[in-house]
Amino acid sequence: MKQDNSNIQTFKSISQLLSYLQLPGPMHPLVALVNYDDVVLSSFEKNQKICLDFYKISFKTNFKGQIKYGHGYYDFEEGGLAFLKPNQIVVSSENLESYEGYSLYFHPDFIRNYPLGTAINQYGFFSYAVSEGLFLSAKEKKIIRNLFNTIADELENSIDQFSQDVLVSQIELLLNYSNRFYNRQFITRKTVNHEIVNALDNLLQDYFIKENSLEKGLPSVQFVSNHLNLSPRYLSDMLRSLTGQNTQQYIQNKLIEQSKDLLSSTSLSVTEIAYKLGFEHPQSFSKLFKIKTNQSPLQFRQSFN
């Protein structure tokens, strides 16, 4: 571990982390499961910045409060799951005494030669905005607890030629259940998510009305995500669950709607409309319009004459 000029406590290996937490070394150097009951939580200072060179999945069974992560927070009500990938920075909670649950740590090398080594990038919750930690129902908590207990049992066995295969499959099962529960969370929080869609619509409408496109170009996924205080990955997944479109597709469709208004109600040329919407090249606008509508901009305009 090392401490850089930004006061970030960095752990290069799981063994270093467990030693810092005053715990025995891991049975396997690339994977470990920690029960918070065994941890001397005072090892960490309150609001300590921490960076790991490996994955962490935290199952907090009874924790109320916030944990700062990046520019936002994991906000827990009655516990839940939180996910960290290597080199992300998390800040320890101010309420260290309230931790109950487990943390699973595994190094990228542990899954590198398995399909999960590549597929893990498809689990979007490793890059979600922090405020979207996974909240679990009582039934879901029971399932996750059983999975952690199964992993704990396997780690207590003597290592043999099958140990890594079994553990990787158990980690993948844990991630697949988490994926299912995240999808449930999208559905059960539709009211909040629809408010986000409304905010996105208002943001894009305001962007076009103020003609920001003339100066800043096309509204990007990163631009709208930043303004909505969501990660690009979470916003795209949420929009797909509600509209069937990712963020880029949603923005493009709003662009086409705006261009239709301009084509049907103004005498601006296609080139002028393209520049007004933020396209650097008018032919790019015409190509996108044709893809979305099966008509050229001129053909669409002529249909109103």
Protein backbone atom coordinates (compact mmCIF):
# COMPACT_ATOMS: atom_id res chain seq x y z
CA MET A 1 0.00 0.00 0.00
CA LYS A 2 1.07 3.59 -0.44
CA GLN A 3 -0.17 7.02 0.36
CA ASP A 4 0.16 9.60 -2.39
CA ASN A 5 0.10 13.36 -2.29
CA SER A 6 -3.70 13.34 -2.47
CA ASN A 7 -3.89 11.36 0.78
CA ILE A 8 -5.32 8.33 -1.02
CA GLN A 9 -4.66 5.01 0.68
CA THR A 10 -3.88 2.60 -2.17
CA PHE A 11 -3.79 -1.18 -1.81
CA LYS A 12 -1.97 -3.13 -4.50
CA SER A 13 -2.93 -6.57 -3.24
CA ILE A 14 -5.61 -8.25 -1.16
CA SER A 15 -2.94 -9.45 1.27
CA GLN A 16 -1.86 -5.87 1.95
CA LEU A 17 -5.45 -4.83 2.62
CA LEU A 18 -6.12 -7.69 5.04
CA SER A 19 -2.89 -6.97 6.87
CA TYR A 20 -3.93 -3.33 7.21
CA LEU A 21 -7.30 -4.48 8.60
CA GLN A 22 -5.43 -6.68 11.11
CA LEU A 23 -6.86 -9.86 9.58
CA PRO A 24 -5.15 -13.16 8.70
CA GLY A 25 -3.79 -13.46 5.18
CA PRO A 26 -6.16 -14.81 2.49
CA MET A 27 -6.36 -18.53 1.77
CA HIS A 28 -5.93 -17.59 -1.89
CA PRO A 29 -3.81 -14.51 -2.73
CA LEU A 30 -6.25 -13.32 -5.40
CA VAL A 31 -9.60 -13.68 -3.62
CA ALA A 32 -10.92 -13.14 -0.10
CA LEU A 33 -14.17 -12.70 1.78
CA VAL A 34 -14.24 -10.43 4.82
CA ASN A 35 -16.90 -10.39 7.53
CA TYR A 36 -17.22 -6.89 8.98
CA ASP A 37 -17.63 -8.46 12.42
CA ASP A 38 -13.95 -9.46 12.21
CA VAL A 39 -12.68 -6.06 11.11
CA VAL A 40 -11.15 -3.43 13.36
CA LEU A 41 -12.94 -0.59 11.61
CA SER A 42 -10.85 2.00 13.41
CA SER A 43 -8.06 0.90 11.06
CA PHE A 44 -9.51 3.43 8.66
CA GLU A 45 -9.79 7.07 9.51
CA LYS A 46 -13.18 8.63 8.96
CA ASN A 47 -13.46 10.09 5.47
CA GLN A 48 -10.28 8.29 4.40
CA LYS A 49 -9.84 8.05 0.61
CA ILE A 50 -9.23 4.44 -0.41
CA CYS A 51 -8.21 2.97 -3.78
CA LEU A 52 -8.03 -0.76 -4.54
CA ASP A 53 -6.25 -2.48 -7.42
CA PHE A 54 -8.89 -5.21 -7.40
CA TYR A 55 -12.68 -5.69 -7.42
CA LYS A 56 -14.84 -5.31 -4.35
CA ILE A 57 -18.46 -6.32 -3.81
CA SER A 58 -19.87 -5.12 -0.50
CA PHE A 59 -23.00 -6.61 1.02
CA LYS A 60 -24.12 -4.33 3.82
CA THR A 61 -26.87 -6.12 5.71
CA ASN A 62 -27.64 -3.36 8.18
CA PHE A 63 -26.15 0.00 7.34
CA LYS A 64 -27.80 3.40 7.19
CA GLY A 65 -25.92 6.34 5.77
CA GLN A 66 -23.80 7.51 2.88
CA ILE A 67 -20.43 6.49 1.52
CA LYS A 68 -18.74 8.99 -0.76
CA TYR A 69 -17.61 7.51 -4.06
CA GLY A 70 -16.14 9.69 -6.82
CA HIS A 71 -18.21 12.88 -6.94
CA GLY A 72 -21.33 11.32 -5.45
CA TYR A 73 -22.50 8.97 -2.73
CA TYR A 74 -23.77 5.50 -2.16
CA ASP A 75 -26.95 6.18 -0.22
CA PHE A 76 -28.13 3.23 1.88
CA GLU A 77 -31.40 2.97 3.73
CA GLU A 78 -31.41 -0.58 5.06
CA GLY A 79 -28.26 -2.00 3.56
CA GLY A 80 -27.64 -3.24 0.05
CA LEU A 81 -24.90 -4.04 -2.46
CA ALA A 82 -22.14 -1.74 -3.63
CA PHE A 83 -19.63 -2.46 -6.39
CA LEU A 84 -16.09 -1.20 -6.97
CA LYS A 85 -13.79 -1.96 -9.85
CA PRO A 86 -10.01 -1.50 -9.75
CA ASN A 87 -8.65 2.04 -9.36
CA GLN A 88 -11.91 3.64 -8.27
CA ILE A 89 -11.76 5.84 -5.19
CA VAL A 90 -14.12 5.44 -2.26
CA VAL A 91 -14.22 7.49 0.94
CA SER A 92 -14.83 5.67 4.22
CA SER A 93 -18.04 6.44 6.07
CA GLU A 94 -18.25 8.84 8.99
CA ASN A 95 -20.29 6.19 10.83
CA LEU A 96 -17.85 3.28 10.92
CA GLU A 97 -19.58 1.58 13.84
CA SER A 98 -22.74 0.75 11.89
CA TYR A 99 -21.19 -1.70 9.40
CA GLU A 100 -22.62 -5.20 9.26
CA GLY A 101 -22.13 -7.60 6.39
CA TYR A 102 -19.42 -8.84 4.06
CA SER A 103 -16.99 -7.70 1.40
CA LEU A 104 -15.76 -9.95 -1.39
CA TYR A 105 -12.44 -9.00 -2.96
CA PHE A 106 -11.02 -10.56 -6.11
CA HIS A 107 -8.15 -9.55 -8.32
CA PRO A 108 -8.60 -9.20 -12.12
CA ASP A 109 -5.96 -11.93 -12.55
CA PHE A 110 -8.23 -14.36 -10.70
CA ILE A 111 -10.83 -14.25 -13.53
CA ARG A 112 -8.54 -13.28 -16.42
CA ASN A 113 -8.42 -16.70 -18.10
CA TYR A 114 -12.18 -17.25 -17.75
CA PRO A 115 -15.04 -15.86 -19.86
CA LEU A 116 -15.93 -13.69 -16.85
CA GLY A 117 -12.62 -11.86 -17.31
CA THR A 118 -14.08 -10.24 -20.42
CA ALA A 119 -17.78 -10.38 -19.54
CA ILE A 120 -17.34 -8.47 -16.28
CA ASN A 121 -17.23 -5.23 -18.30
CA GLN A 122 -20.85 -5.90 -19.25
CA TYR A 123 -22.03 -5.58 -15.65
CA GLY A 124 -22.84 -1.89 -15.72
CA PHE A 125 -23.21 -1.48 -11.96
CA PHE A 126 -19.42 -1.35 -11.62
CA SER A 127 -19.56 2.05 -13.34
CA TYR A 128 -22.94 3.39 -12.16
CA ALA A 129 -23.41 6.70 -10.43
CA VAL A 130 -22.87 6.18 -6.74
CA SER A 131 -26.38 7.17 -5.75
CA GLU A 132 -27.56 4.07 -7.57
CA GLY A 133 -26.25 1.39 -5.28
CA LEU A 134 -28.37 -1.76 -5.31
CA PHE A 135 -31.16 -1.70 -2.74
CA LEU A 136 -32.36 -5.19 -1.79
CA SER A 137 -35.69 -6.54 -0.63
CA ALA A 138 -35.77 -8.98 2.30
CA LYS A 139 -36.05 -11.92 -0.10
CA GLU A 140 -33.17 -10.64 -2.22
CA LYS A 141 -31.02 -10.14 0.89
CA LYS A 142 -31.58 -13.79 1.79
CA ILE A 143 -30.44 -14.93 -1.65
CA ILE A 144 -27.33 -12.74 -1.56
CA ARG A 145 -26.51 -13.81 1.99
CA ASN A 146 -26.68 -17.47 0.93
CA LEU A 147 -24.37 -16.77 -2.00
CA PHE A 148 -21.82 -15.10 0.25
CA ASN A 149 -22.05 -18.01 2.70
CA THR A 150 -21.44 -20.48 -0.14
CA ILE A 151 -18.37 -18.54 -1.24
CA ALA A 152 -17.16 -18.44 2.38
CA ASP A 153 -17.55 -22.23 2.67
CA GLU A 154 -15.55 -22.77 -0.50
CA LEU A 155 -12.77 -20.46 0.68
CA GLU A 156 -12.49 -22.44 3.91
CA ASN A 157 -11.81 -25.64 1.96
CA SER A 158 -8.28 -26.66 1.09
CA ILE A 159 -7.26 -25.33 -2.32
CA ASP A 160 -7.32 -27.97 -5.06
CA GLN A 161 -7.42 -28.03 -8.86
CA PHE A 162 -11.14 -27.19 -8.86
CA SER A 163 -11.13 -24.34 -6.35
CA GLN A 164 -10.66 -21.50 -8.82
CA ASP A 165 -13.26 -22.90 -11.25
CA VAL A 166 -15.82 -23.16 -8.46
CA LEU A 167 -15.12 -19.72 -7.02
CA VAL A 168 -15.22 -17.99 -10.40
CA SER A 169 -18.57 -19.63 -11.15
CA GLN A 170 -19.89 -18.52 -7.75
CA ILE A 171 -18.74 -14.92 -8.36
CA GLU A 172 -20.43 -14.99 -11.76
CA LEU A 173 -23.64 -16.27 -10.16
CA LEU A 174 -23.49 -13.43 -7.63
CA LEU A 175 -23.08 -10.91 -10.46
CA ASN A 176 -25.95 -12.43 -12.46
CA TYR A 177 -28.30 -12.21 -9.48
CA SER A 178 -27.17 -8.61 -8.99
CA ASN A 179 -28.01 -7.94 -12.63
CA ARG A 180 -31.50 -9.35 -12.09
CA PHE A 181 -32.04 -7.25 -8.99
CA TYR A 182 -30.82 -4.11 -10.73
CA ASN A 183 -33.38 -4.69 -13.46
CA ARG A 184 -36.04 -4.99 -10.76
CA GLN A 185 -34.81 -1.73 -9.28
CA PHE A 186 -35.29 0.03 -12.62
CA ILE A 187 -38.89 -1.22 -12.73
CA THR A 188 -39.83 -0.44 -9.13
CA ARG A 189 -38.33 3.05 -9.32
CA LYS A 190 -40.12 4.05 -12.52
CA THR A 191 -41.57 7.20 -10.96
CA VAL A 192 -38.10 8.53 -10.17
CA ASN A 193 -36.79 7.41 -13.55
CA HIS A 194 -39.64 9.11 -15.43
CA GLU A 195 -38.70 12.30 -13.62
CA ILE A 196 -35.17 11.86 -14.98
CA VAL A 197 -36.54 11.43 -18.51
CA ASN A 198 -38.57 14.61 -18.09
CA ALA A 199 -35.46 16.42 -16.86
CA LEU A 200 -33.54 15.12 -19.89
CA ASP A 201 -36.27 16.33 -22.26
CA ASN A 202 -36.23 19.76 -20.64
CA LEU A 203 -32.43 19.89 -20.80
CA LEU A 204 -32.38 19.08 -24.52
CA GLN A 205 -35.22 21.47 -25.29
CA ASP A 206 -33.45 24.25 -23.45
CA TYR A 207 -30.22 23.38 -25.28
CA PHE A 208 -31.91 23.84 -28.66
CA ILE A 209 -33.93 26.92 -27.71
CA LYS A 210 -30.83 28.74 -26.49
CA GLU A 211 -29.03 27.59 -29.65
CA ASN A 212 -26.14 26.18 -27.65
CA SER A 213 -25.51 23.86 -30.57
CA LEU A 214 -24.13 26.74 -32.63
CA GLU A 215 -21.33 27.20 -30.11
CA LYS A 216 -20.96 23.80 -28.44
CA GLY A 217 -22.01 21.38 -31.18
CA LEU A 218 -24.29 18.40 -30.76
CA PRO A 219 -25.35 17.57 -27.19
CA SER A 220 -23.26 14.60 -26.12
CA VAL A 221 -24.00 11.68 -23.82
CA GLN A 222 -21.38 12.98 -21.40
CA PHE A 223 -22.94 16.46 -21.43
CA VAL A 224 -26.44 15.29 -20.51
CA SER A 225 -25.13 12.76 -17.98
CA ASN A 226 -23.12 15.43 -16.19
CA HIS A 227 -26.11 17.76 -16.03
CA LEU A 228 -28.34 15.01 -14.64
CA ASN A 229 -25.68 13.90 -12.14
CA LEU A 230 -25.74 10.34 -13.46
CA SER A 231 -23.07 8.19 -15.00
CA PRO A 232 -23.39 7.65 -18.78
CA ARG A 233 -23.78 3.90 -18.26
CA TYR A 234 -26.59 4.20 -15.73
CA LEU A 235 -28.47 6.78 -17.81
CA SER A 236 -28.31 4.58 -20.91
CA ASP A 237 -29.50 1.50 -19.03
CA MET A 238 -32.33 3.43 -17.39
CA LEU A 239 -33.46 4.93 -20.72
CA ARG A 240 -33.29 1.53 -22.41
CA SER A 241 -35.49 0.04 -19.69
CA LEU A 242 -38.14 2.76 -20.22
CA THR A 243 -37.87 3.64 -23.92
CA GLY A 244 -35.92 0.87 -25.60
CA GLN A 245 -33.24 3.43 -26.57
CA ASN A 246 -29.83 4.16 -25.14
CA THR A 247 -28.83 7.77 -24.46
CA GLN A 248 -27.20 8.33 -27.84
CA GLN A 249 -30.26 7.04 -29.67
CA TYR A 250 -32.55 9.14 -27.46
CA ILE A 251 -30.57 12.30 -28.22
CA GLN A 252 -30.59 11.52 -31.93
CA ASN A 253 -34.36 11.08 -31.96
CA LYS A 254 -34.76 14.42 -30.18
CA LEU A 255 -32.52 15.99 -32.80
CA ILE A 256 -34.71 14.58 -35.56
CA GLU A 257 -37.86 15.87 -33.85
CA GLN A 258 -36.30 19.32 -33.60
CA SER A 259 -35.20 19.23 -37.23
CA LYS A 260 -38.71 18.26 -38.35
CA ASP A 261 -40.07 21.34 -36.58
CA LEU A 262 -37.53 23.53 -38.37
CA LEU A 263 -38.09 21.89 -41.75
CA SER A 264 -41.85 22.24 -41.54
CA SER A 265 -42.13 25.70 -39.99
CA THR A 266 -39.16 27.73 -41.25
CA SER A 267 -37.53 28.59 -44.56
CA LEU A 268 -34.05 27.73 -43.29
CA SER A 269 -32.04 25.62 -45.72
CA VAL A 270 -31.03 22.08 -44.82
CA THR A 271 -27.46 23.29 -44.36
CA GLU A 272 -28.56 26.08 -42.01
CA ILE A 273 -30.67 23.64 -39.98
CA ALA A 274 -27.75 21.23 -39.75
CA TYR A 275 -25.45 23.92 -38.38
CA LYS A 276 -28.18 25.23 -36.07
CA LEU A 277 -28.53 21.76 -34.52
CA GLY A 278 -24.79 21.44 -34.02
CA PHE A 279 -23.73 19.26 -36.93
CA GLU A 280 -20.26 20.07 -38.20
CA HIS A 281 -21.05 18.65 -41.62
CA PRO A 282 -24.53 19.03 -43.20
CA GLN A 283 -24.20 15.68 -44.94
CA SER A 284 -23.96 14.00 -41.54
CA PHE A 285 -27.32 15.51 -40.62
CA SER A 286 -28.89 14.42 -43.91
CA LYS A 287 -27.55 10.89 -43.45
CA LEU A 288 -28.91 10.60 -39.90
CA PHE A 289 -32.28 12.03 -40.96
CA LYS A 290 -32.55 9.50 -43.78
CA ILE A 291 -31.67 6.63 -41.43
CA LYS A 292 -34.29 7.70 -38.89
CA THR A 293 -37.13 8.64 -41.26
CA ASN A 294 -36.45 6.86 -44.57
CA GLN A 295 -36.68 10.30 -46.18
CA SER A 296 -34.21 13.01 -46.96
CA PRO A 297 -34.74 16.36 -45.21
CA LEU A 298 -35.90 17.89 -48.51
CA GLN A 299 -38.37 15.07 -49.13
CA PHE A 300 -39.78 15.59 -45.66
CA ARG A 301 -40.11 19.34 -46.25
CA GLN A 302 -41.81 18.80 -49.60
CA SER A 303 -44.43 16.60 -47.95
CA PHE A 304 -45.67 19.74 -46.14
CA ASN A 305 -45.99 21.80 -49.34
